[in-house]
Each structure stands twice: as C-alpha cells, then as structure tokens.
Amino acid sequence: MYGHVEKLVQEIKKGAASIEGVEVKIWQVPETLPEEVLGKMGAPPKTDAPIITADELATADGFVFGFPTRFGMMPTQFKAFLDSIGGLWRTQQLAGKPAGIFYSTGSQGGEQETTALTAITQPVHHGMIFVPIGYTFGAGMFEMENMKGGSSYGA
C-alpha cells in the first residue's frame, strides 16, 4: 500500500535477474479497497506492474511471493487472490514449483514469524516446494543495537 514491498521487490529482482537464464516478471494482485478508501489512507498510486491472473501464475517456473504483514498474516488482497485460484489447485498446475515468501512490517517485532507461519499454508496446499531464506545471516543477525526490519514510515 505504501511502497515498501515494491522496494524489496526491486532488490529481489536485481538478485534473481543476475543469474544467467533467469527471467523475472513482477506482478501485483488485484486491489480490494475502493480508491476513495485508499485516498483517505494516504496510499500513493499503484506501480505499473500488471495485475496477475491465475493463467499467468500457472506459466511461471517458480515464485517469490511478497506482501506487507497485516496483524501477523498476509493482507486480504493477497489472500483474496489466492482464494481465487482454486482451479489451479484442482488441476495441480502449481505442484512441484519452488516458492519463497518475503514480507514487510511496520515495527521491529511486527509479527514476521507469524506471517510466515500463516502464509506457508497457501503454497504448500498447492503442492509447491517451499524454499525458506533460513537463518543464514551470520552473527550480525543477533545484533540489537540498531533497528532491523520495520519500514521507513515506522518508528
């Protein structure tokens, strides 16, 4: 809604596109909030990334799903899209494809682990192979002197 996930997406795209033979496509899910509500919330205009369809999702070889955290879960917009792709589940069109997730929170705690736990059920239910980032960031991940996580509009 405020562009934080978009900034993360662009960095992930740089990394993935740096691998020979990898083509990266960025999509967004349909918005469920009316423009009037988005305006009252101070949301900036959406990016020019196309809105994804179930057919387009089925053509991908793998996925990195990203979304903001909303009280420890993915936001309704993302869940509504996933709820709409039951036909892909029924025909197992996503089974065996690798999928990772990332998310943005508004505070250092921010329910990151809860978001991961509640989001993992979606790709797993479709038979995707979940590929976690894991705790591979060395000793610096235990440093608490500086704010880590959160967003530029937070604390």
Protein backbone atom coordinates (compact mmCIF):
# COMPACT_ATOMS: atom_id res chain seq x y z
CA MET A 1 0.00 0.00 0.00
CA TYR A 2 2.82 2.44 0.79
CA GLY A 3 5.58 1.13 -1.49
CA HIS A 4 7.76 -0.76 0.99
CA VAL A 5 7.20 -4.17 -0.58
CA GLU A 6 7.82 -2.63 -4.01
CA LYS A 7 11.29 -1.51 -2.84
CA LEU A 8 12.03 -5.03 -1.64
CA VAL A 9 10.72 -6.47 -4.91
CA GLN A 10 13.14 -4.36 -6.93
CA GLU A 11 16.10 -5.60 -4.88
CA ILE A 12 14.97 -9.23 -5.18
CA LYS A 13 14.55 -8.72 -8.92
CA LYS A 14 18.14 -7.46 -9.20
CA GLY A 15 19.45 -10.54 -7.45
CA ALA A 16 17.33 -13.05 -9.34
CA ALA A 17 17.93 -11.40 -12.72
CA SER A 18 21.70 -11.55 -12.14
CA ILE A 19 21.52 -15.34 -12.55
CA GLU A 20 22.07 -16.46 -16.12
CA GLY A 21 18.91 -17.79 -17.75
CA VAL A 22 16.52 -16.35 -15.16
CA GLU A 23 13.75 -14.11 -16.42
CA VAL A 24 11.99 -12.12 -13.70
CA LYS A 25 8.42 -10.90 -14.03
CA ILE A 26 6.77 -8.72 -11.41
CA TRP A 27 3.02 -8.73 -10.94
CA GLN A 28 0.67 -7.38 -8.33
CA VAL A 29 -2.56 -8.85 -7.07
CA PRO A 30 -5.87 -7.03 -7.56
CA GLU A 31 -6.65 -4.29 -5.07
CA THR A 32 -9.76 -4.87 -2.99
CA LEU A 33 -10.08 -1.44 -1.38
CA PRO A 34 -12.02 1.32 -3.17
CA GLU A 35 -9.98 4.29 -4.46
CA GLU A 36 -11.82 6.55 -2.01
CA VAL A 37 -10.59 4.49 0.95
CA LEU A 38 -7.05 4.32 -0.41
CA GLY A 39 -7.08 8.11 -0.77
CA LYS A 40 -8.17 8.60 2.83
CA MET A 41 -5.37 6.27 3.93
CA GLY A 42 -2.79 8.35 2.05
CA ALA A 43 -1.79 5.47 -0.22
CA PRO A 44 0.29 6.53 -3.23
CA PRO A 45 -0.70 5.45 -6.75
CA LYS A 46 -0.04 1.80 -7.61
CA THR A 47 3.00 0.85 -9.65
CA ASP A 48 2.71 -0.01 -13.29
CA ALA A 49 3.25 -3.73 -12.58
CA PRO A 50 0.44 -5.67 -14.27
CA ILE A 51 -2.29 -7.38 -12.28
CA ILE A 52 -1.68 -11.13 -12.22
CA THR A 53 -4.20 -13.71 -13.35
CA ALA A 54 -4.42 -17.40 -12.50
CA ASP A 55 -3.33 -18.28 -16.05
CA GLU A 56 -0.19 -16.15 -15.74
CA LEU A 57 0.61 -17.67 -12.36
CA ALA A 58 0.41 -21.14 -13.89
CA THR A 59 3.02 -20.25 -16.53
CA ALA A 60 5.75 -19.37 -14.00
CA ASP A 61 8.51 -21.85 -13.15
CA GLY A 62 8.85 -20.58 -9.57
CA PHE A 63 7.68 -17.82 -7.26
CA VAL A 64 8.77 -15.34 -4.64
CA PHE A 65 5.58 -14.01 -3.07
CA GLY A 66 5.84 -10.69 -1.24
CA PHE A 67 3.35 -8.73 0.81
CA PRO A 68 3.07 -6.47 3.84
CA THR A 69 2.24 -8.01 7.18
CA ARG A 70 -1.26 -7.32 8.44
CA PHE A 71 -1.61 -8.37 12.09
CA GLY A 72 0.64 -11.40 11.57
CA MET A 73 -0.90 -12.51 8.29
CA MET A 74 -0.84 -11.64 4.61
CA PRO A 75 -3.23 -8.80 3.73
CA THR A 76 -6.74 -9.51 2.47
CA GLN A 77 -5.83 -8.50 -1.08
CA PHE A 78 -3.25 -11.27 -1.38
CA LYS A 79 -5.43 -13.85 0.37
CA ALA A 80 -8.36 -12.99 -1.92
CA PHE A 81 -6.21 -13.63 -4.97
CA LEU A 82 -5.01 -16.97 -3.61
CA ASP A 83 -8.59 -17.89 -2.76
CA SER A 84 -9.50 -17.26 -6.41
CA ILE A 85 -7.06 -19.79 -7.88
CA GLY A 86 -8.80 -22.97 -6.76
CA GLY A 87 -8.82 -24.18 -10.36
CA LEU A 88 -5.01 -24.30 -10.31
CA TRP A 89 -5.14 -26.35 -7.11
CA ARG A 90 -7.74 -28.72 -8.55
CA THR A 91 -5.60 -29.35 -11.63
CA GLN A 92 -2.29 -29.30 -9.66
CA GLN A 93 -0.75 -26.75 -12.03
CA LEU A 94 1.49 -25.29 -9.32
CA ALA A 95 2.61 -28.59 -7.79
CA GLY A 96 6.36 -29.10 -7.63
CA LYS A 97 7.24 -25.47 -8.37
CA PRO A 98 9.57 -23.71 -5.89
CA ALA A 99 8.08 -20.84 -3.86
CA GLY A 100 9.53 -18.44 -1.33
CA ILE A 101 7.95 -15.59 0.60
CA PHE A 102 9.04 -12.23 1.94
CA TYR A 103 7.16 -9.54 3.79
CA SER A 104 7.49 -6.08 5.25
CA THR A 105 6.41 -4.97 8.70
CA GLY A 106 5.95 -1.62 10.39
CA SER A 107 7.91 -2.43 13.56
CA GLN A 108 10.89 -4.46 14.74
CA GLY A 109 8.65 -7.20 16.15
CA GLY A 110 5.90 -6.78 13.60
CA GLU A 111 4.71 -10.41 13.61
CA GLN A 112 7.24 -11.56 10.99
CA GLU A 113 7.33 -15.21 12.13
CA THR A 114 3.55 -15.36 12.46
CA THR A 115 3.20 -14.01 8.93
CA ALA A 116 5.48 -16.75 7.62
CA LEU A 117 3.57 -19.43 9.53
CA THR A 118 0.19 -18.27 8.29
CA ALA A 119 1.36 -17.72 4.70
CA ILE A 120 3.12 -21.06 4.22
CA THR A 121 -0.16 -22.95 4.08
CA GLN A 122 -1.00 -21.43 0.69
CA PRO A 123 1.94 -22.66 -1.42
CA VAL A 124 2.09 -25.95 0.47
CA HIS A 125 -1.59 -26.63 -0.17
CA HIS A 126 -0.91 -26.19 -3.88
CA GLY A 127 1.96 -28.69 -3.71
CA MET A 128 4.65 -26.07 -4.23
CA ILE A 129 8.07 -26.66 -2.71
CA PHE A 130 8.64 -24.04 -0.02
CA VAL A 131 12.13 -22.55 -0.16
CA PRO A 132 12.87 -20.57 3.02
CA ILE A 133 15.62 -17.98 3.36
CA GLY A 134 16.65 -19.57 6.66
CA TYR A 135 18.84 -18.09 9.35
CA THR A 136 21.97 -17.65 7.26
CA PHE A 137 22.99 -14.08 8.01
CA GLY A 138 25.85 -14.75 10.44
CA ALA A 139 26.44 -13.18 13.83
CA GLY A 140 25.07 -9.81 12.68
CA MET A 141 21.52 -11.15 12.81
CA PHE A 142 21.74 -11.16 16.61
CA GLU A 143 22.80 -7.53 16.86
CA MET A 144 20.22 -5.42 18.67
CA GLU A 145 21.94 -2.03 18.72
CA ASN A 146 20.22 -0.89 15.54
CA MET A 147 16.69 -1.22 14.26
CA LYS A 148 16.28 -4.14 11.87
CA GLY A 149 13.13 -4.86 9.92
CA GLY A 150 10.28 -2.45 10.01
CA SER A 151 9.81 0.20 7.37
CA SER A 152 10.73 3.75 6.58
CA TYR A 153 7.42 5.07 7.91
CA GLY A 154 7.70 3.18 11.21
CA ALA A 155 9.47 4.12 14.44
